[in-house]
Amino acid sequence: MSQSVARALSLLDRVANGTGTLGELAAAEGVHKSTVLRLLRVLEDEGFVHHDGEHRYVLGPHLFRLAHQALDSFEVRVVAAPRLRRLRDETGQTVHLAVLDGGVATYVDKLEPRETPVRMASRIGKTATLHSTAVGKVLLAGLDPAERDDLIAALDYPRFTERTPGGPEQLLAEVALATERGWAEDHAENETFINCVGAPVRGADGRTLAAVSISVPDVLLPYEGVLGLVPALLAATADISRECGYHPHDRGAP
C-alpha cells in the first residue's frame, strides 16, 4: 500500500473518531498541514469527507453510501434480519447483532421496539468493549482457546460500573461460563441501568460468526426478567445459525 493511500485511510479513521480540524489532523499524523490538506481535498472531492462552517472535517455522504451497501451485502446481517425482527417483536426489547472487529465488537444491526419510551445510545457501526458486554463475551467464547487467551490478556479494562470485570482472570471466568451455558450476560457492567443477554450465531463449520443480544433498561424490565428472555434469544440464534449452515449434530461442531 502506498504511503499516500495509507495516510488517507488513517485520516478517514481519525475524522470518524472526532479529530476534526486541519491542525489537529496534521498533529495526529505528525506531518505538515500542506500534506494533510492535499489529501483532504482529494477525499472531499470524492465525497468521503467535507468540512463545516467551523472548518472541522466530518465524514462525507459517499462514505455513508458505501457503508450502507457494505451492510446490505454482509451475509450474516442479511440472513439474520427477519429473525431478529421477530425476536424484537416477541420480547418488545432492543436487539443487537455484533461481530468481532479486532479488539472490540462492532454493531452491524440494531432493532428497537416500534414504541418504546427509552432509546439506546448504541447504533449501527458503533463499537463496544469486549470485557463489559454480553456480545463481547460471546464473541470471545467463540475463539480458539489460544487466540482468546492472547486477546483477553491484551485488552484494556476500563471500569464503567462496580460490576465491570476488572482484569483478565475475571473475564476468563465469565467467558468460560458463557461457553458452558451457551449464552452470556452483562449485568449492569457497561452501564448501571442496563442489563443484556447474548448468544452466538454459528456458521457451517461451527465457528461463531456473530453475537445477538437483547438489551433492556431497568425501567422496562428488572434483571430477573431479562434472564427470562434467554429462551427466546437462544431460539432465535439457533434459527439464524441453521440459516447460516450450522448443523449441531455434524461431527466436530460445538
C-alpha atoms as a PDB file:
ATOM      1  CA  MET A   1       0.000   0.000   0.000  1.00  0.00           C
ATOM      2  CA  SER A   2       1.445   3.392  -0.948  1.00  0.00           C
ATOM      3  CA  GLN A   3       2.176   5.906   1.764  1.00  0.00           C
ATOM      4  CA  SER A   4      -0.439   8.335   0.417  1.00  0.00           C
ATOM      5  CA  VAL A   5      -3.209   5.709   0.413  1.00  0.00           C
ATOM      6  CA  ALA A   6      -2.253   4.576   3.908  1.00  0.00           C
ATOM      7  CA  ARG A   7      -2.279   8.168   5.168  1.00  0.00           C
ATOM      8  CA  ALA A   8      -5.624   8.921   3.514  1.00  0.00           C
ATOM      9  CA  LEU A   9      -7.154   5.892   5.214  1.00  0.00           C
ATOM     10  CA  SER A  10      -5.620   6.973   8.502  1.00  0.00           C
ATOM     11  CA  LEU A  11      -7.150  10.431   8.075  1.00  0.00           C
ATOM     12  CA  LEU A  12     -10.579   8.923   7.457  1.00  0.00           C
ATOM     13  CA  ASP A  13     -10.258   6.895  10.642  1.00  0.00           C
ATOM     14  CA  ARG A  14      -9.223   9.956  12.641  1.00  0.00           C
ATOM     15  CA  VAL A  15     -12.106  12.023  11.237  1.00  0.00           C
ATOM     16  CA  ALA A  16     -14.524   9.221  12.107  1.00  0.00           C
ATOM     17  CA  ASN A  17     -13.233   9.274  15.683  1.00  0.00           C
ATOM     18  CA  GLY A  18     -13.683  13.010  16.109  1.00  0.00           C
ATOM     19  CA  THR A  19     -10.346  14.570  15.133  1.00  0.00           C
ATOM     20  CA  GLY A  20     -11.695  17.441  13.100  1.00  0.00           C
ATOM     21  CA  THR A  21      -9.514  20.421  12.236  1.00  0.00           C
ATOM     22  CA  LEU A  22      -6.651  20.562   9.785  1.00  0.00           C
ATOM     23  CA  GLY A  23      -4.226  21.385  12.590  1.00  0.00           C
ATOM     24  CA  GLU A  24      -5.444  18.506  14.763  1.00  0.00           C
ATOM     25  CA  LEU A  25      -5.194  16.040  11.896  1.00  0.00           C
ATOM     26  CA  ALA A  26      -1.695  17.205  10.914  1.00  0.00           C
ATOM     27  CA  ALA A  27      -0.526  16.946  14.522  1.00  0.00           C
ATOM     28  CA  ALA A  28      -2.016  13.474  14.896  1.00  0.00           C
ATOM     29  CA  GLU A  29      -0.330  12.295  11.684  1.00  0.00           C
ATOM     30  CA  GLY A  30       2.939  14.014  12.526  1.00  0.00           C
ATOM     31  CA  VAL A  31       3.209  15.713   9.125  1.00  0.00           C
ATOM     32  CA  HIS A  32       2.942  19.241   7.715  1.00  0.00           C
ATOM     33  CA  LYS A  33      -0.521  20.764   7.249  1.00  0.00           C
ATOM     34  CA  SER A  34       0.045  21.054   3.497  1.00  0.00           C
ATOM     35  CA  THR A  35       0.403  17.280   3.182  1.00  0.00           C
ATOM     36  CA  VAL A  36      -2.821  16.676   5.087  1.00  0.00           C
ATOM     37  CA  LEU A  37      -4.677  19.404   3.213  1.00  0.00           C
ATOM     38  CA  ARG A  38      -3.747  17.888  -0.153  1.00  0.00           C
ATOM     39  CA  LEU A  39      -5.173  14.508   0.889  1.00  0.00           C
ATOM     40  CA  LEU A  40      -8.258  16.050   2.449  1.00  0.00           C
ATOM     41  CA  ARG A  41      -9.029  17.919  -0.760  1.00  0.00           C
ATOM     42  CA  VAL A  42      -8.947  14.645  -2.700  1.00  0.00           C
ATOM     43  CA  LEU A  43     -11.170  12.953  -0.105  1.00  0.00           C
ATOM     44  CA  GLU A  44     -13.549  15.922  -0.154  1.00  0.00           C
ATOM     45  CA  ASP A  45     -13.755  15.946  -3.963  1.00  0.00           C
ATOM     46  CA  GLU A  46     -14.770  12.280  -3.851  1.00  0.00           C
ATOM     47  CA  GLY A  47     -17.357  12.835  -1.114  1.00  0.00           C
ATOM     48  CA  PHE A  48     -15.536  10.925   1.621  1.00  0.00           C
ATOM     49  CA  VAL A  49     -15.237  13.970   3.903  1.00  0.00           C
ATOM     50  CA  HIS A  50     -16.485  17.537   3.985  1.00  0.00           C
ATOM     51  CA  HIS A  51     -15.799  20.487   6.256  1.00  0.00           C
ATOM     52  CA  ASP A  52     -18.411  22.509   8.094  1.00  0.00           C
ATOM     53  CA  GLY A  53     -18.695  26.224   8.801  1.00  0.00           C
ATOM     54  CA  GLU A  54     -16.212  25.910  11.658  1.00  0.00           C
ATOM     55  CA  HIS A  55     -13.657  24.276   9.346  1.00  0.00           C
ATOM     56  CA  ARG A  56     -13.928  20.922  11.055  1.00  0.00           C
ATOM     57  CA  TYR A  57     -13.832  17.851   8.849  1.00  0.00           C
ATOM     58  CA  VAL A  58     -16.544  15.208   9.168  1.00  0.00           C
ATOM     59  CA  LEU A  59     -17.375  12.079   7.193  1.00  0.00           C
ATOM     60  CA  GLY A  60     -18.970  12.736   3.833  1.00  0.00           C
ATOM     61  CA  PRO A  61     -22.087  11.334   2.145  1.00  0.00           C
ATOM     62  CA  HIS A  62     -20.271   8.969  -0.211  1.00  0.00           C
ATOM     63  CA  LEU A  63     -18.774   7.109   2.718  1.00  0.00           C
ATOM     64  CA  PHE A  64     -22.228   6.622   4.207  1.00  0.00           C
ATOM     65  CA  ARG A  65     -23.465   5.208   0.892  1.00  0.00           C
ATOM     66  CA  LEU A  66     -20.579   2.755   0.843  1.00  0.00           C
ATOM     67  CA  ALA A  67     -21.264   1.780   4.445  1.00  0.00           C
ATOM     68  CA  HIS A  68     -24.921   1.168   3.644  1.00  0.00           C
ATOM     69  CA  GLN A  69     -24.001  -1.007   0.663  1.00  0.00           C
ATOM     70  CA  ALA A  70     -21.499  -2.947   2.771  1.00  0.00           C
ATOM     71  CA  LEU A  71     -24.116  -3.629   5.428  1.00  0.00           C
ATOM     72  CA  ASP A  72     -26.628  -4.758   2.820  1.00  0.00           C
ATOM     73  CA  SER A  73     -24.109  -7.227   1.396  1.00  0.00           C
ATOM     74  CA  PHE A  74     -22.980  -8.506   4.806  1.00  0.00           C
ATOM     75  CA  GLU A  75     -24.290 -12.071   4.664  1.00  0.00           C
ATOM     76  CA  VAL A  76     -24.901 -12.707   8.366  1.00  0.00           C
ATOM     77  CA  ARG A  77     -26.782  -9.454   8.736  1.00  0.00           C
ATOM     78  CA  VAL A  78     -28.977 -10.206   5.723  1.00  0.00           C
ATOM     79  CA  VAL A  79     -29.715 -13.760   6.863  1.00  0.00           C
ATOM     80  CA  ALA A  80     -30.388 -12.716  10.447  1.00  0.00           C
ATOM     81  CA  ALA A  81     -32.600  -9.699   9.773  1.00  0.00           C
ATOM     82  CA  PRO A  82     -36.044 -11.386   9.543  1.00  0.00           C
ATOM     83  CA  ARG A  83     -35.473 -13.500  12.645  1.00  0.00           C
ATOM     84  CA  LEU A  84     -34.107 -10.542  14.598  1.00  0.00           C
ATOM     85  CA  ARG A  85     -37.264  -8.591  13.782  1.00  0.00           C
ATOM     86  CA  ARG A  86     -39.331 -11.458  15.180  1.00  0.00           C
ATOM     87  CA  LEU A  87     -37.187 -11.560  18.310  1.00  0.00           C
ATOM     88  CA  ARG A  88     -37.610  -7.805  18.763  1.00  0.00           C
ATOM     89  CA  ASP A  89     -41.371  -8.115  18.382  1.00  0.00           C
ATOM     90  CA  GLU A  90     -41.622 -11.202  20.654  1.00  0.00           C
ATOM     91  CA  THR A  91     -39.679  -9.615  23.502  1.00  0.00           C
ATOM     92  CA  GLY A  92     -40.559  -5.971  22.974  1.00  0.00           C
ATOM     93  CA  GLN A  93     -36.911  -5.075  23.610  1.00  0.00           C
ATOM     94  CA  THR A  94     -33.886  -3.767  21.703  1.00  0.00           C
ATOM     95  CA  VAL A  95     -31.936  -6.396  19.755  1.00  0.00           C
ATOM     96  CA  HIS A  96     -28.347  -6.054  18.521  1.00  0.00           C
ATOM     97  CA  LEU A  97     -26.193  -8.034  16.093  1.00  0.00           C
ATOM     98  CA  ALA A  98     -22.431  -7.636  16.575  1.00  0.00           C
ATOM     99  CA  VAL A  99     -19.242  -9.054  15.062  1.00  0.00           C
ATOM    100  CA  LEU A 100     -15.680  -9.238  16.331  1.00  0.00           C
ATOM    101  CA  ASP A 101     -13.543  -6.419  14.960  1.00  0.00           C
ATOM    102  CA  GLY A 102     -10.015  -6.759  16.296  1.00  0.00           C
ATOM    103  CA  GLY A 103     -10.156  -5.936  19.995  1.00  0.00           C
ATOM    104  CA  VAL A 104     -13.752  -4.652  20.002  1.00  0.00           C
ATOM    105  CA  ALA A 105     -17.252  -5.717  18.997  1.00  0.00           C
ATOM    106  CA  THR A 106     -18.934  -3.728  16.218  1.00  0.00           C
ATOM    107  CA  TYR A 107     -22.700  -3.464  15.931  1.00  0.00           C
ATOM    108  CA  VAL A 108     -23.813  -4.337  12.404  1.00  0.00           C
ATOM    109  CA  ASP A 109     -27.538  -4.213  13.121  1.00  0.00           C
ATOM    110  CA  LYS A 110     -29.852  -2.785  15.740  1.00  0.00           C
ATOM    111  CA  LEU A 111     -33.614  -3.212  16.040  1.00  0.00           C
ATOM    112  CA  GLU A 112     -35.589  -1.148  18.538  1.00  0.00           C
ATOM    113  CA  PRO A 113     -39.217  -1.735  19.551  1.00  0.00           C
ATOM    114  CA  ARG A 114     -41.629   0.242  17.456  1.00  0.00           C
ATOM    115  CA  GLU A 115     -42.955   2.016  20.529  1.00  0.00           C
ATOM    116  CA  THR A 116     -40.593   2.478  23.462  1.00  0.00           C
ATOM    117  CA  PRO A 117     -40.084   5.336  25.912  1.00  0.00           C
ATOM    118  CA  VAL A 118     -36.356   4.579  26.136  1.00  0.00           C
ATOM    119  CA  ARG A 119     -33.845   4.694  23.270  1.00  0.00           C
ATOM    120  CA  MET A 120     -30.423   3.061  23.458  1.00  0.00           C
ATOM    121  CA  ALA A 121     -27.320   5.122  22.740  1.00  0.00           C
ATOM    122  CA  SER A 122     -25.914   2.288  20.619  1.00  0.00           C
ATOM    123  CA  ARG A 123     -26.046   2.499  16.833  1.00  0.00           C
ATOM    124  CA  ILE A 124     -25.025   0.526  13.774  1.00  0.00           C
ATOM    125  CA  GLY A 125     -21.291   0.909  13.265  1.00  0.00           C
ATOM    126  CA  LYS A 126     -20.574   1.778  16.890  1.00  0.00           C
ATOM    127  CA  THR A 127     -18.032  -0.341  18.740  1.00  0.00           C
ATOM    128  CA  ALA A 128     -18.385  -1.923  22.162  1.00  0.00           C
ATOM    129  CA  THR A 129     -15.809  -3.238  24.584  1.00  0.00           C
ATOM    130  CA  LEU A 130     -15.389  -6.995  24.812  1.00  0.00           C
ATOM    131  CA  HIS A 131     -14.967  -7.263  28.579  1.00  0.00           C
ATOM    132  CA  SER A 132     -18.114  -5.442  29.699  1.00  0.00           C
ATOM    133  CA  THR A 133     -20.768  -6.524  27.185  1.00  0.00           C
ATOM    134  CA  ALA A 134     -22.730  -9.697  26.556  1.00  0.00           C
ATOM    135  CA  VAL A 135     -21.874  -9.666  22.847  1.00  0.00           C
ATOM    136  CA  GLY A 136     -18.200  -9.232  23.692  1.00  0.00           C
ATOM    137  CA  LYS A 137     -18.130 -12.274  25.965  1.00  0.00           C
ATOM    138  CA  VAL A 138     -19.990 -14.340  23.366  1.00  0.00           C
ATOM    139  CA  LEU A 139     -17.507 -13.390  20.646  1.00  0.00           C
ATOM    140  CA  LEU A 140     -14.559 -14.166  22.921  1.00  0.00           C
ATOM    141  CA  ALA A 141     -16.067 -17.541  23.796  1.00  0.00           C
ATOM    142  CA  GLY A 142     -16.203 -18.372  20.092  1.00  0.00           C
ATOM    143  CA  LEU A 143     -12.461 -18.000  19.547  1.00  0.00           C
ATOM    144  CA  ASP A 144      -9.874 -20.767  19.606  1.00  0.00           C
ATOM    145  CA  PRO A 145      -8.504 -21.013  23.176  1.00  0.00           C
ATOM    146  CA  ALA A 146      -5.028 -19.708  22.370  1.00  0.00           C
ATOM    147  CA  GLU A 147      -6.360 -16.772  20.340  1.00  0.00           C
ATOM    148  CA  ARG A 148      -8.945 -15.988  23.013  1.00  0.00           C
ATOM    149  CA  ASP A 149      -6.411 -16.047  25.846  1.00  0.00           C
ATOM    150  CA  ASP A 150      -3.988 -13.796  23.942  1.00  0.00           C
ATOM    151  CA  LEU A 151      -6.744 -11.300  23.163  1.00  0.00           C
ATOM    152  CA  ILE A 152      -8.047 -11.248  26.731  1.00  0.00           C
ATOM    153  CA  ALA A 153      -4.519 -10.665  28.026  1.00  0.00           C
ATOM    154  CA  ALA A 154      -4.036  -7.741  25.617  1.00  0.00           C
ATOM    155  CA  LEU A 155      -7.311  -5.924  26.371  1.00  0.00           C
ATOM    156  CA  ASP A 156      -7.612  -2.742  28.374  1.00  0.00           C
ATOM    157  CA  TYR A 157     -10.029  -2.983  31.300  1.00  0.00           C
ATOM    158  CA  PRO A 158     -11.701   0.381  31.929  1.00  0.00           C
ATOM    159  CA  ARG A 159     -14.196   0.229  34.788  1.00  0.00           C
ATOM    160  CA  PHE A 160     -17.604   1.548  33.779  1.00  0.00           C
ATOM    161  CA  THR A 161     -19.528   0.348  36.843  1.00  0.00           C
ATOM    162  CA  GLU A 162     -18.721  -1.525  40.034  1.00  0.00           C
ATOM    163  CA  ARG A 163     -19.690  -4.745  38.241  1.00  0.00           C
ATOM    164  CA  THR A 164     -17.323  -4.321  35.270  1.00  0.00           C
ATOM    165  CA  PRO A 165     -14.787  -7.184  35.062  1.00  0.00           C
ATOM    166  CA  GLY A 166     -11.533  -5.785  36.405  1.00  0.00           C
ATOM    167  CA  GLY A 167      -8.981  -7.875  34.547  1.00  0.00           C
ATOM    168  CA  PRO A 168      -8.124 -10.992  32.516  1.00  0.00           C
ATOM    169  CA  GLU A 169      -8.727 -13.523  35.291  1.00  0.00           C
ATOM    170  CA  GLN A 170     -12.272 -12.355  35.976  1.00  0.00           C
ATOM    171  CA  LEU A 171     -13.099 -12.081  32.283  1.00  0.00           C
ATOM    172  CA  LEU A 172     -11.725 -15.567  31.551  1.00  0.00           C
ATOM    173  CA  ALA A 173     -14.048 -16.963  34.228  1.00  0.00           C
ATOM    174  CA  GLU A 174     -17.058 -15.217  32.706  1.00  0.00           C
ATOM    175  CA  VAL A 175     -16.153 -16.351  29.187  1.00  0.00           C
ATOM    176  CA  ALA A 176     -15.784 -19.921  30.460  1.00  0.00           C
ATOM    177  CA  LEU A 177     -19.266 -19.666  31.991  1.00  0.00           C
ATOM    178  CA  ALA A 178     -20.643 -18.310  28.720  1.00  0.00           C
ATOM    179  CA  THR A 179     -19.063 -21.227  26.853  1.00  0.00           C
ATOM    180  CA  GLU A 180     -20.568 -23.732  29.285  1.00  0.00           C
ATOM    181  CA  ARG A 181     -24.132 -22.481  29.205  1.00  0.00           C
ATOM    182  CA  GLY A 182     -24.218 -21.161  25.622  1.00  0.00           C
ATOM    183  CA  TRP A 183     -25.050 -17.549  26.421  1.00  0.00           C
ATOM    184  CA  ALA A 184     -23.514 -14.574  28.214  1.00  0.00           C
ATOM    185  CA  GLU A 185     -24.784 -11.681  30.271  1.00  0.00           C
ATOM    186  CA  ASP A 186     -23.945  -8.079  31.017  1.00  0.00           C
ATOM    187  CA  HIS A 187     -25.388  -7.450  34.476  1.00  0.00           C
ATOM    188  CA  ALA A 188     -25.065  -3.649  34.658  1.00  0.00           C
ATOM    189  CA  GLU A 189     -21.381  -3.965  33.694  1.00  0.00           C
ATOM    190  CA  ASN A 190     -21.296  -1.462  30.837  1.00  0.00           C
ATOM    191  CA  GLU A 191     -23.996   0.901  32.113  1.00  0.00           C
ATOM    192  CA  THR A 192     -25.500   0.839  35.582  1.00  0.00           C
ATOM    193  CA  PHE A 193     -29.091   0.841  34.363  1.00  0.00           C
ATOM    194  CA  ILE A 194     -28.938  -1.691  31.503  1.00  0.00           C
ATOM    195  CA  ASN A 195     -28.813  -5.493  31.532  1.00  0.00           C
ATOM    196  CA  CYS A 196     -28.148  -7.635  28.467  1.00  0.00           C
ATOM    197  CA  VAL A 197     -28.085 -11.282  27.449  1.00  0.00           C
ATOM    198  CA  GLY A 198     -26.264 -12.516  24.352  1.00  0.00           C
ATOM    199  CA  ALA A 199     -25.813 -15.722  22.360  1.00  0.00           C
ATOM    200  CA  PRO A 200     -23.764 -16.815  19.335  1.00  0.00           C
ATOM    201  CA  VAL A 201     -24.666 -17.216  15.690  1.00  0.00           C
ATOM    202  CA  ARG A 202     -22.620 -20.069  14.231  1.00  0.00           C
ATOM    203  CA  GLY A 203     -21.594 -20.879  10.686  1.00  0.00           C
ATOM    204  CA  ALA A 204     -21.389 -24.183   8.839  1.00  0.00           C
ATOM    205  CA  ASP A 205     -18.042 -25.030  10.454  1.00  0.00           C
ATOM    206  CA  GLY A 206     -19.353 -24.359  13.955  1.00  0.00           C
ATOM    207  CA  ARG A 207     -17.389 -21.181  14.457  1.00  0.00           C
ATOM    208  CA  THR A 208     -19.043 -18.081  15.885  1.00  0.00           C
ATOM    209  CA  LEU A 209     -19.918 -15.633  13.114  1.00  0.00           C
ATOM    210  CA  ALA A 210     -21.683 -13.017  15.222  1.00  0.00           C
ATOM    211  CA  ALA A 211     -23.435 -12.401  18.515  1.00  0.00           C
ATOM    212  CA  VAL A 212     -27.051 -11.434  19.143  1.00  0.00           C
ATOM    213  CA  SER A 213     -28.049  -9.586  22.294  1.00  0.00           C
ATOM    214  CA  ILE A 214     -31.207  -8.331  23.960  1.00  0.00           C
ATOM    215  CA  SER A 215     -30.562  -5.090  25.870  1.00  0.00           C
ATOM    216  CA  VAL A 216     -33.031  -3.844  28.468  1.00  0.00           C
ATOM    217  CA  PRO A 217     -33.041  -0.759  30.721  1.00  0.00           C
ATOM    218  CA  ASP A 218     -34.057  -1.358  34.342  1.00  0.00           C
ATOM    219  CA  VAL A 219     -37.055   0.933  33.926  1.00  0.00           C
ATOM    220  CA  LEU A 220     -38.553  -1.502  31.413  1.00  0.00           C
ATOM    221  CA  LEU A 221     -37.653  -4.852  32.991  1.00  0.00           C
ATOM    222  CA  PRO A 222     -35.634  -5.906  36.049  1.00  0.00           C
ATOM    223  CA  TYR A 223     -32.575  -8.138  35.818  1.00  0.00           C
ATOM    224  CA  GLU A 224     -34.506 -11.328  36.607  1.00  0.00           C
ATOM    225  CA  GLY A 225     -36.937 -10.514  33.819  1.00  0.00           C
ATOM    226  CA  VAL A 226     -34.085 -10.088  31.357  1.00  0.00           C
ATOM    227  CA  LEU A 227     -32.808 -13.561  32.251  1.00  0.00           C
ATOM    228  CA  GLY A 228     -36.286 -14.802  31.421  1.00  0.00           C
ATOM    229  CA  LEU A 229     -35.696 -13.704  27.808  1.00  0.00           C
ATOM    230  CA  VAL A 230     -32.825 -16.189  27.326  1.00  0.00           C
ATOM    231  CA  PRO A 231     -35.016 -18.993  25.843  1.00  0.00           C
ATOM    232  CA  ALA A 232     -36.361 -16.637  23.173  1.00  0.00           C
ATOM    233  CA  LEU A 233     -32.811 -15.444  22.451  1.00  0.00           C
ATOM    234  CA  LEU A 234     -31.469 -18.992  22.096  1.00  0.00           C
ATOM    235  CA  ALA A 235     -34.348 -19.987  19.834  1.00  0.00           C
ATOM    236  CA  ALA A 236     -33.589 -17.036  17.569  1.00  0.00           C
ATOM    237  CA  THR A 237     -29.836 -17.660  17.375  1.00  0.00           C
ATOM    238  CA  ALA A 238     -30.461 -21.363  16.711  1.00  0.00           C
ATOM    239  CA  ASP A 239     -32.730 -20.461  13.785  1.00  0.00           C
ATOM    240  CA  ILE A 240     -30.220 -17.964  12.373  1.00  0.00           C
ATOM    241  CA  SER A 241     -27.370 -20.450  12.773  1.00  0.00           C
ATOM    242  CA  ARG A 242     -29.312 -23.062  10.808  1.00  0.00           C
ATOM    243  CA  GLU A 243     -29.875 -20.487   8.065  1.00  0.00           C
ATOM    244  CA  CYS A 244     -26.094 -19.939   8.056  1.00  0.00           C
ATOM    245  CA  GLY A 245     -25.486 -23.661   7.506  1.00  0.00           C
ATOM    246  CA  TYR A 246     -24.828 -24.747  11.091  1.00  0.00           C
ATOM    247  CA  HIS A 247     -25.913 -28.277  11.994  1.00  0.00           C
ATOM    248  CA  PRO A 248     -25.081 -29.007  15.653  1.00  0.00           C
ATOM    249  CA  HIS A 249     -25.134 -32.769  15.189  1.00  0.00           C
ATOM    250  CA  ASP A 250     -22.461 -32.740  12.487  1.00  0.00           C
ATOM    251  CA  ARG A 251     -19.176 -34.247  13.587  1.00  0.00           C
ATOM    252  CA  GLY A 252     -16.839 -31.647  15.041  1.00  0.00           C
ATOM    253  CA  ALA A 253     -19.459 -28.964  15.522  1.00  0.00           C
ATOM    254  CA  PRO A 254     -19.674 -27.436  19.029  1.00  0.00           C
END
